[in-house]
Amino acid sequence: MSPIIPRLLESEIEKRIHPQKVMLIYGARRVGKTVLLKNLISNFNGKSLLLNGESSEALNMLRDKNIGNYRRLFSGLDLLAIDEAQHIPDIGSILKLIVDEIEGIRVVATGSSTFDLQNKVGEPLVGRFSQFMLTPLSIEELAIKESGFETIIRNDNRLIYGLYPELIGIENDFEKREYLSDIVDSYLLRDILMYDGLKHSQKLFDLLRLLAWQVGSEVSVDELGKSLGLSRNTVERYLDLLQKVFVIFRIGGFSRNLRKEITKSGKWYFQDTGIRNAVLSDFRPFHLRPDSERGALWENFIISERLKHKLNHKQPINHYFWRTYDKQEIDLIEETDGVLSAFEIKAGKATPKIPKAFAETYPDASFSVINKDNFLDYIS
C-alpha cells in the first residue's frame, strides 16, 4: 500500500471553504483527488456528506432539480462533497441551486476533466466558486516525509517513472512500467475519446509521441500537422484536449517588445515525466541516456516541479521561455508582480552566464542555474 503523503493543496482549499461557495478540484485520474476529498471531510468540523458522481444513487437524487428536493436532501448539512462531479448532467445549475437555497452549505467537487467539469459549472457559478488543480506528487510534498539525502538518491528513478501517488508504494520497476502503461492506455486517452467523441486514438497517440521527442524544443504546429497528415486546426484541437486532460502543458515565449525576441512559438512539456516515458515505452535509466535526452528530461522535470509549486500554493506566477532570433536563450522565465526571475536548467555541471541581450534588456531580473546539485533549493 502506498504511504499517505500530505498534499500541500489541502491547506489552500481549507482556507477557502466558506458557506455558499463551491470549491472545484481538477486533476488527471489517479493523482489522488478522492483521497484529498476524504481528508478534507475528515478534517472538517461540521456535518458532511460525500457523494460519488458515478453512482446511480447520486444521479437519481440530484436529477429532480427543484428547491424542495434539495432542501429535503441537504438542509442542515455544512459540507457537501461530490467526487467525479463531471458525470452528473447539468451539474453547474444543480450546484447553483444548492448554494443559493441551502443556508450555510459549502460544496467541494472533484473532476478529472477540466473542459467537461468547468464548462458545466463555470457559467452558472460565476462569482461563487474557486478552482484548484491537483497534480501528481511534487518533490516538495515528498520532502515532508524524506530527508534531502533520500530525495536525491531516489530522484533518478523518479525522473524515469514519475510521481503518481500509487507509484511511491511500488518497489519493482517492472510493476511501475505496467502501472504507467495502464494509465496511458486506459485512463488518459480514454478521457479524450469519451469526452470529445473521437473514433480513433492513433493520430492522437502519434502526436503525443512527437511531443515526447521534442520536450524542451520549440514546436511548430504546422510541422506537427505535416508529420501527422493533419490540418493545423486538428492539431491545435488535439493539443488543447491533451492539456485539458492534464497530460501536457505549454509555455510561451517571453517579451516586453524587444524586436528580436521570439514569442509566437511554444514549448510543450509533460505534466509527469513517467507518462512521457510510458508514451515512448522507454524506461532506460537516466544515466544510460544520451546527454541531449538527459537534458530534455531534466528540463521537463524541473519546469513541471516549478508549475506544481505555483499550483499547490495558489501563487500568481507566469511561466515563459526566452529566446532571440540570434539564438540567445533561457530555459525558464518566471514573472511575479512584474518581477522577473530567469533560470537555466542543466543536467550536468555546466554553469552558463546570463545572455548579454537579456541582461541588458532586463537588468533587474535575477538569474540562476538549476542543476542536480542544487535543485532541492528551487523546487521545495
Protein backbone atom coordinates (compact mmCIF):
# COMPACT_ATOMS: atom_id res chain seq x y z
CA MET A 1 0.00 0.00 0.00
CA SER A 2 1.26 3.48 -0.86
CA PRO A 3 2.19 5.70 2.08
CA ILE A 4 -0.11 8.68 2.68
CA ILE A 5 1.71 11.83 1.59
CA PRO A 6 0.21 15.11 2.86
CA ARG A 7 -0.94 17.25 -0.07
CA LEU A 8 0.00 20.92 0.05
CA LEU A 9 -3.15 21.91 -1.82
CA GLU A 10 -5.29 20.68 1.07
CA SER A 11 -4.48 23.65 3.31
CA GLU A 12 -5.12 26.10 0.46
CA ILE A 13 -8.57 24.61 -0.11
CA GLU A 14 -9.40 24.57 3.61
CA LYS A 15 -8.69 28.31 3.80
CA ARG A 16 -11.33 28.95 1.16
CA ILE A 17 -14.17 26.64 2.22
CA HIS A 18 -16.92 29.13 3.10
CA PRO A 19 -20.73 28.99 3.23
CA GLN A 20 -22.44 29.46 -0.14
CA LYS A 21 -19.19 28.73 -2.02
CA VAL A 22 -18.12 25.87 -4.31
CA MET A 23 -14.55 24.54 -4.43
CA LEU A 24 -13.69 22.75 -7.70
CA ILE A 25 -10.70 20.38 -7.70
CA TYR A 26 -9.42 19.29 -11.12
CA GLY A 27 -6.75 16.77 -11.97
CA ALA A 28 -5.85 13.72 -14.01
CA ARG A 29 -7.13 10.33 -12.95
CA ARG A 30 -5.19 8.65 -10.13
CA VAL A 31 -3.44 11.78 -8.86
CA GLY A 32 -5.25 11.48 -5.52
CA LYS A 33 -8.39 13.64 -5.79
CA THR A 34 -10.59 11.15 -3.91
CA VAL A 35 -8.05 10.77 -1.09
CA LEU A 36 -7.76 14.56 -0.85
CA LEU A 37 -11.55 14.92 -0.75
CA LYS A 38 -11.85 12.35 2.07
CA ASN A 39 -9.12 14.12 4.03
CA LEU A 40 -10.95 17.44 3.67
CA ILE A 41 -14.10 15.80 5.03
CA SER A 42 -12.32 14.13 7.95
CA ASN A 43 -10.71 17.42 8.98
CA PHE A 44 -13.91 19.44 8.59
CA ASN A 45 -15.68 20.44 11.78
CA GLY A 46 -19.33 20.05 10.87
CA LYS A 47 -21.90 17.76 9.30
CA SER A 48 -20.75 16.45 5.90
CA LEU A 49 -21.87 14.13 3.11
CA LEU A 50 -19.81 12.51 0.33
CA LEU A 51 -21.47 11.61 -2.98
CA ASN A 52 -19.93 9.71 -5.90
CA GLY A 53 -20.91 11.34 -9.18
CA GLU A 54 -20.65 7.99 -10.97
CA SER A 55 -23.19 6.26 -8.70
CA SER A 56 -26.79 5.75 -9.75
CA GLU A 57 -27.97 6.77 -6.26
CA ALA A 58 -26.39 10.21 -6.55
CA LEU A 59 -27.65 10.67 -10.10
CA ASN A 60 -31.20 9.75 -9.12
CA MET A 61 -31.22 12.02 -6.06
CA LEU A 62 -29.93 15.04 -7.97
CA ARG A 63 -31.99 14.52 -11.12
CA ASP A 64 -35.09 16.25 -9.69
CA LYS A 65 -33.88 19.86 -9.96
CA ASN A 66 -36.12 21.78 -7.63
CA ILE A 67 -35.53 23.68 -4.44
CA GLY A 68 -37.83 21.46 -2.36
CA ASN A 69 -35.91 18.31 -3.31
CA TYR A 70 -32.51 19.81 -2.49
CA ARG A 71 -33.73 21.28 0.79
CA ARG A 72 -35.08 17.88 1.76
CA LEU A 73 -31.77 16.19 0.89
CA PHE A 74 -29.26 18.71 2.18
CA SER A 75 -30.79 21.06 4.77
CA GLY A 76 -28.70 21.10 7.94
CA LEU A 77 -25.63 19.98 6.02
CA ASP A 78 -22.46 22.02 6.46
CA LEU A 79 -20.36 20.42 3.71
CA LEU A 80 -21.45 18.57 0.56
CA ALA A 81 -18.60 16.76 -1.23
CA ILE A 82 -19.08 15.31 -4.73
CA ASP A 83 -16.40 13.11 -6.29
CA GLU A 84 -16.23 12.79 -10.12
CA ALA A 85 -18.86 15.50 -10.46
CA GLN A 86 -18.44 15.76 -14.24
CA HIS A 87 -20.63 12.66 -14.62
CA ILE A 88 -23.71 14.47 -13.24
CA PRO A 89 -25.79 16.09 -16.01
CA ASP A 90 -26.27 19.86 -15.63
CA ILE A 91 -24.06 19.88 -12.53
CA GLY A 92 -23.48 23.65 -12.72
CA SER A 93 -27.16 24.53 -12.40
CA ILE A 94 -27.59 21.93 -9.65
CA LEU A 95 -24.76 23.35 -7.56
CA LYS A 96 -26.05 26.90 -8.11
CA LEU A 97 -29.46 25.92 -6.73
CA ILE A 98 -27.87 24.18 -3.74
CA VAL A 99 -25.57 27.03 -2.69
CA ASP A 100 -28.26 29.64 -3.39
CA GLU A 101 -31.01 27.92 -1.43
CA ILE A 102 -29.39 25.81 1.35
CA GLU A 103 -28.27 28.24 4.01
CA GLY A 104 -24.78 27.67 5.38
CA ILE A 105 -23.82 24.89 2.98
CA ARG A 106 -20.36 24.55 1.47
CA VAL A 107 -19.59 22.41 -1.58
CA VAL A 108 -16.37 20.70 -2.71
CA ALA A 109 -16.45 18.87 -6.07
CA THR A 110 -13.76 16.99 -7.98
CA GLY A 111 -13.44 16.19 -11.67
CA SER A 112 -10.88 14.54 -13.92
CA SER A 113 -11.58 16.64 -16.99
CA THR A 114 -11.36 20.40 -16.69
CA PHE A 115 -13.00 21.10 -20.04
CA ASP A 116 -16.03 19.00 -19.11
CA LEU A 117 -16.49 19.99 -15.48
CA GLN A 118 -15.67 23.66 -15.95
CA ASN A 119 -17.94 24.04 -18.96
CA LYS A 120 -20.82 22.60 -16.94
CA VAL A 121 -20.06 24.55 -13.77
CA GLY A 122 -18.30 27.79 -14.60
CA GLU A 123 -21.07 29.86 -16.14
CA PRO A 124 -23.87 29.14 -13.63
CA LEU A 125 -21.49 29.63 -10.69
CA VAL A 126 -19.80 32.88 -11.72
CA GLY A 127 -18.59 34.55 -8.52
CA ARG A 128 -19.46 31.54 -6.37
CA PHE A 129 -16.56 29.14 -6.98
CA SER A 130 -12.80 28.74 -6.63
CA GLN A 131 -10.83 26.23 -8.65
CA PHE A 132 -7.75 24.19 -7.85
CA MET A 133 -5.60 21.78 -9.82
CA LEU A 134 -4.19 18.67 -8.17
CA THR A 135 -1.10 17.30 -9.90
CA PRO A 136 0.92 14.15 -9.33
CA LEU A 137 3.04 14.38 -6.19
CA SER A 138 5.70 17.06 -6.01
CA ILE A 139 9.20 16.71 -4.63
CA GLU A 140 8.21 19.42 -2.17
CA GLU A 141 5.47 17.15 -0.80
CA LEU A 142 7.74 14.10 -0.65
CA ALA A 143 10.30 16.15 1.28
CA ILE A 144 7.80 16.31 4.15
CA LYS A 145 8.45 12.59 4.73
CA GLU A 146 12.02 12.28 3.41
CA SER A 147 15.47 13.60 4.18
CA GLY A 148 17.30 15.52 1.47
CA PHE A 149 19.65 12.55 1.11
CA GLU A 150 16.74 10.17 0.42
CA THR A 151 15.19 12.55 -2.10
CA ILE A 152 18.44 12.94 -4.05
CA ILE A 153 19.17 9.20 -4.07
CA ARG A 154 15.68 8.38 -5.35
CA ASN A 155 15.40 11.20 -7.86
CA ASP A 156 16.90 9.49 -10.93
CA ASN A 157 14.30 6.72 -10.61
CA ARG A 158 11.54 9.32 -10.24
CA LEU A 159 12.74 11.09 -13.38
CA ILE A 160 12.03 7.86 -15.25
CA TYR A 161 8.84 6.66 -13.55
CA GLY A 162 7.30 9.93 -12.43
CA LEU A 163 5.40 10.85 -9.31
CA TYR A 164 1.91 9.40 -9.44
CA PRO A 165 0.99 8.71 -5.79
CA GLU A 166 0.49 4.94 -6.11
CA LEU A 167 3.99 4.55 -7.56
CA ILE A 168 5.52 5.60 -4.25
CA GLY A 169 4.48 2.25 -2.75
CA ILE A 170 5.79 0.15 -5.69
CA GLU A 171 9.39 -1.01 -5.40
CA ASN A 172 9.57 -3.17 -8.55
CA ASP A 173 10.39 -1.21 -11.71
CA PHE A 174 8.56 -3.71 -13.93
CA GLU A 175 5.36 -3.12 -11.94
CA LYS A 176 5.89 0.64 -12.30
CA ARG A 177 6.05 0.23 -16.08
CA GLU A 178 2.83 -1.75 -16.10
CA TYR A 179 1.13 0.86 -13.94
CA LEU A 180 2.14 3.76 -16.20
CA SER A 181 1.20 1.92 -19.39
CA ASP A 182 -2.21 1.23 -17.88
CA ILE A 183 -2.70 4.91 -17.10
CA VAL A 184 -1.82 5.95 -20.66
CA ASP A 185 -3.94 3.29 -22.35
CA SER A 186 -6.93 3.07 -20.02
CA TYR A 187 -7.31 6.50 -18.47
CA LEU A 188 -5.67 9.48 -20.13
CA LEU A 189 -6.53 8.66 -23.71
CA ARG A 190 -9.90 7.23 -22.69
CA ASP A 191 -10.85 10.59 -21.21
CA ILE A 192 -10.31 12.26 -24.57
CA LEU A 193 -12.13 9.56 -26.51
CA MET A 194 -15.04 9.73 -24.06
CA TYR A 195 -15.47 13.48 -23.91
CA ASP A 196 -14.65 14.53 -27.43
CA GLY A 197 -16.24 11.65 -29.30
CA LEU A 198 -13.06 10.73 -31.19
CA LYS A 199 -13.38 7.49 -33.09
CA HIS A 200 -9.67 6.68 -33.36
CA SER A 201 -6.85 7.42 -30.96
CA GLN A 202 -3.83 6.53 -33.12
CA LYS A 203 -3.25 10.04 -34.52
CA LEU A 204 -3.59 11.47 -31.03
CA PHE A 205 -1.06 8.98 -29.71
CA ASP A 206 1.28 9.74 -32.61
CA LEU A 207 1.05 13.43 -31.69
CA LEU A 208 1.93 12.61 -28.09
CA ARG A 209 4.97 10.65 -29.26
CA LEU A 210 6.19 13.57 -31.36
CA LEU A 211 5.80 15.91 -28.40
CA ALA A 212 7.63 13.45 -26.15
CA TRP A 213 10.62 13.50 -28.51
CA GLN A 214 10.57 17.31 -28.68
CA VAL A 215 10.38 18.12 -24.97
CA GLY A 216 12.35 21.30 -24.32
CA SER A 217 12.35 22.34 -28.00
CA GLU A 218 10.18 24.89 -29.72
CA VAL A 219 7.35 23.13 -31.51
CA SER A 220 5.77 24.22 -34.78
CA VAL A 221 2.09 23.33 -35.07
CA ASP A 222 2.42 23.38 -38.86
CA GLU A 223 5.32 20.92 -38.75
CA LEU A 224 3.37 18.63 -36.43
CA GLY A 225 0.49 18.71 -38.89
CA LYS A 226 2.73 17.82 -41.83
CA SER A 227 4.30 14.92 -39.92
CA LEU A 228 0.90 13.53 -38.93
CA GLY A 229 -1.06 14.30 -42.09
CA LEU A 230 -3.43 16.52 -40.11
CA SER A 231 -4.67 20.07 -40.59
CA ARG A 232 -3.39 22.84 -38.36
CA ASN A 233 -6.84 23.20 -36.79
CA THR A 234 -6.98 19.49 -35.93
CA VAL A 235 -3.51 19.56 -34.36
CA GLU A 236 -4.46 22.62 -32.29
CA ARG A 237 -7.65 20.87 -31.17
CA TYR A 238 -5.71 17.75 -30.14
CA LEU A 239 -3.15 19.84 -28.25
CA ASP A 240 -5.98 21.62 -26.44
CA LEU A 241 -7.58 18.30 -25.48
CA LEU A 242 -4.29 16.88 -24.22
CA GLN A 243 -3.88 19.92 -22.00
CA LYS A 244 -7.41 19.59 -20.69
CA VAL A 245 -6.90 16.02 -19.55
CA PHE A 246 -3.68 17.13 -17.83
CA VAL A 247 -1.19 15.20 -19.97
CA ILE A 248 0.82 18.17 -21.28
CA PHE A 249 1.21 21.89 -20.73
CA ARG A 250 2.60 24.73 -22.83
CA ILE A 251 4.85 27.66 -22.04
CA GLY A 252 5.17 30.52 -24.49
CA GLY A 253 7.97 32.91 -25.34
CA PHE A 254 8.60 35.98 -23.17
CA SER A 255 8.99 39.50 -24.50
CA ARG A 256 8.48 43.09 -23.48
CA ASN A 257 8.71 44.34 -27.05
CA LEU A 258 12.38 43.75 -27.78
CA ARG A 259 12.03 43.22 -31.54
CA LYS A 260 14.48 40.32 -31.78
CA GLU A 261 12.72 38.23 -29.11
CA ILE A 262 10.74 35.18 -30.28
CA THR A 263 7.20 34.99 -28.89
CA LYS A 264 4.96 33.15 -31.34
CA SER A 265 6.24 29.59 -30.88
CA GLY A 266 5.79 27.48 -27.76
CA LYS A 267 7.36 24.63 -25.85
CA TRP A 268 5.36 21.63 -24.65
CA TYR A 269 6.10 19.64 -21.52
CA PHE A 270 4.54 16.60 -19.87
CA GLN A 271 2.92 17.11 -16.51
CA ASP A 272 4.64 13.90 -15.40
CA THR A 273 7.90 12.53 -16.82
CA GLY A 274 6.76 8.96 -16.17
CA ILE A 275 3.85 9.47 -18.56
CA ARG A 276 6.25 10.91 -21.13
CA ASN A 277 8.44 7.81 -20.91
CA ALA A 278 5.41 5.50 -21.00
CA VAL A 279 4.23 7.15 -24.23
CA LEU A 280 7.60 6.26 -25.76
CA SER A 281 7.82 2.87 -23.98
CA ASP A 282 11.29 4.00 -22.95
CA PHE A 283 12.24 3.37 -19.33
CA ARG A 284 16.01 3.32 -19.68
CA PRO A 285 17.83 4.53 -16.54
CA PHE A 286 18.63 8.22 -16.56
CA HIS A 287 22.42 7.71 -16.59
CA LEU A 288 22.27 5.48 -19.69
CA ARG A 289 20.60 8.10 -21.87
CA PRO A 290 22.41 10.43 -24.30
CA ASP A 291 23.33 13.88 -22.96
CA SER A 292 20.69 15.65 -25.05
CA GLU A 293 17.92 13.37 -23.82
CA ARG A 294 19.04 13.67 -20.19
CA GLY A 295 18.96 17.43 -20.59
CA ALA A 296 15.44 17.44 -22.04
CA LEU A 297 14.10 15.07 -19.39
CA TRP A 298 15.72 17.09 -16.60
CA GLU A 299 14.29 20.32 -18.01
CA ASN A 300 10.79 18.81 -18.16
CA PHE A 301 11.13 17.60 -14.58
CA ILE A 302 12.27 20.95 -13.15
CA ILE A 303 9.69 23.03 -15.03
CA SER A 304 6.94 20.61 -14.00
CA GLU A 305 8.03 20.91 -10.36
CA ARG A 306 8.01 24.71 -10.57
CA LEU A 307 4.49 24.55 -12.00
CA LYS A 308 3.39 22.25 -9.16
CA HIS A 309 4.76 24.72 -6.63
CA LYS A 310 2.72 27.51 -8.21
CA LEU A 311 -0.46 25.42 -8.25
CA ASN A 312 -0.02 23.94 -4.75
CA HIS A 313 0.40 27.38 -3.20
CA LYS A 314 -2.03 29.26 -5.48
CA GLN A 315 0.69 31.70 -6.49
CA PRO A 316 0.17 34.17 -9.38
CA ILE A 317 3.29 33.25 -11.38
CA ASN A 318 3.57 33.40 -15.16
CA HIS A 319 5.96 30.97 -16.87
CA TYR A 320 7.79 31.52 -20.16
CA PHE A 321 10.95 30.63 -22.05
CA TRP A 322 13.13 33.31 -23.67
CA ARG A 323 14.95 33.23 -26.99
CA THR A 324 16.14 35.68 -29.61
CA TYR A 325 16.46 35.21 -33.35
CA ASP A 326 20.24 35.12 -32.95
CA LYS A 327 19.77 32.08 -30.62
CA GLN A 328 20.43 33.57 -27.21
CA GLU A 329 18.10 31.69 -24.88
CA ILE A 330 16.98 30.95 -21.32
CA ASP A 331 15.01 27.84 -20.37
CA LEU A 332 12.56 29.37 -17.90
CA ILE A 333 11.38 32.87 -17.05
CA GLU A 334 9.05 33.45 -14.10
CA GLU A 335 7.15 36.70 -13.73
CA THR A 336 5.55 37.57 -10.40
CA ASP A 337 4.00 41.04 -9.95
CA GLY A 338 6.29 42.36 -12.67
CA VAL A 339 9.44 40.89 -11.11
CA LEU A 340 11.45 38.59 -13.39
CA SER A 341 13.44 35.52 -12.39
CA ALA A 342 15.42 33.65 -15.04
CA PHE A 343 16.55 30.02 -14.75
CA GLU A 344 18.89 27.97 -16.89
CA ILE A 345 18.31 24.25 -16.28
CA LYS A 346 21.27 21.90 -16.64
CA ALA A 347 21.52 18.16 -16.01
CA GLY A 348 25.32 18.37 -15.97
CA LYS A 349 27.91 20.61 -14.36
CA ALA A 350 27.80 23.48 -16.86
CA THR A 351 27.35 26.96 -15.35
CA PRO A 352 26.32 29.26 -18.20
CA LYS A 353 26.25 33.02 -17.76
CA ILE A 354 23.21 35.17 -18.30
CA PRO A 355 22.80 36.03 -22.03
CA LYS A 356 24.00 39.53 -22.80
CA ALA A 357 20.81 40.64 -24.56
CA PHE A 358 18.65 39.54 -21.64
CA ALA A 359 20.89 41.19 -19.04
CA GLU A 360 20.87 44.47 -20.97
CA THR A 361 17.13 44.42 -21.63
CA TYR A 362 16.08 43.27 -18.15
CA PRO A 363 18.82 44.49 -15.78
CA ASP A 364 16.67 43.97 -12.65
CA ALA A 365 15.97 40.29 -13.35
CA SER A 366 17.68 37.60 -11.27
CA PHE A 367 19.47 34.70 -12.96
CA SER A 368 20.15 31.21 -11.56
CA VAL A 369 21.34 27.85 -12.85
CA ILE A 370 19.37 24.82 -11.58
CA ASN A 371 21.34 21.57 -11.64
CA LYS A 372 21.39 18.22 -9.86
CA ASP A 373 23.44 19.67 -7.01
CA ASN A 374 21.09 22.50 -6.05
CA PHE A 375 17.64 21.54 -7.44
CA LEU A 376 16.11 20.97 -3.99
CA ASP A 377 16.61 24.65 -3.22
CA TYR A 378 14.39 25.58 -6.17
CA ILE A 379 11.59 23.03 -6.08
CA SER A 380 10.94 22.68 -2.34
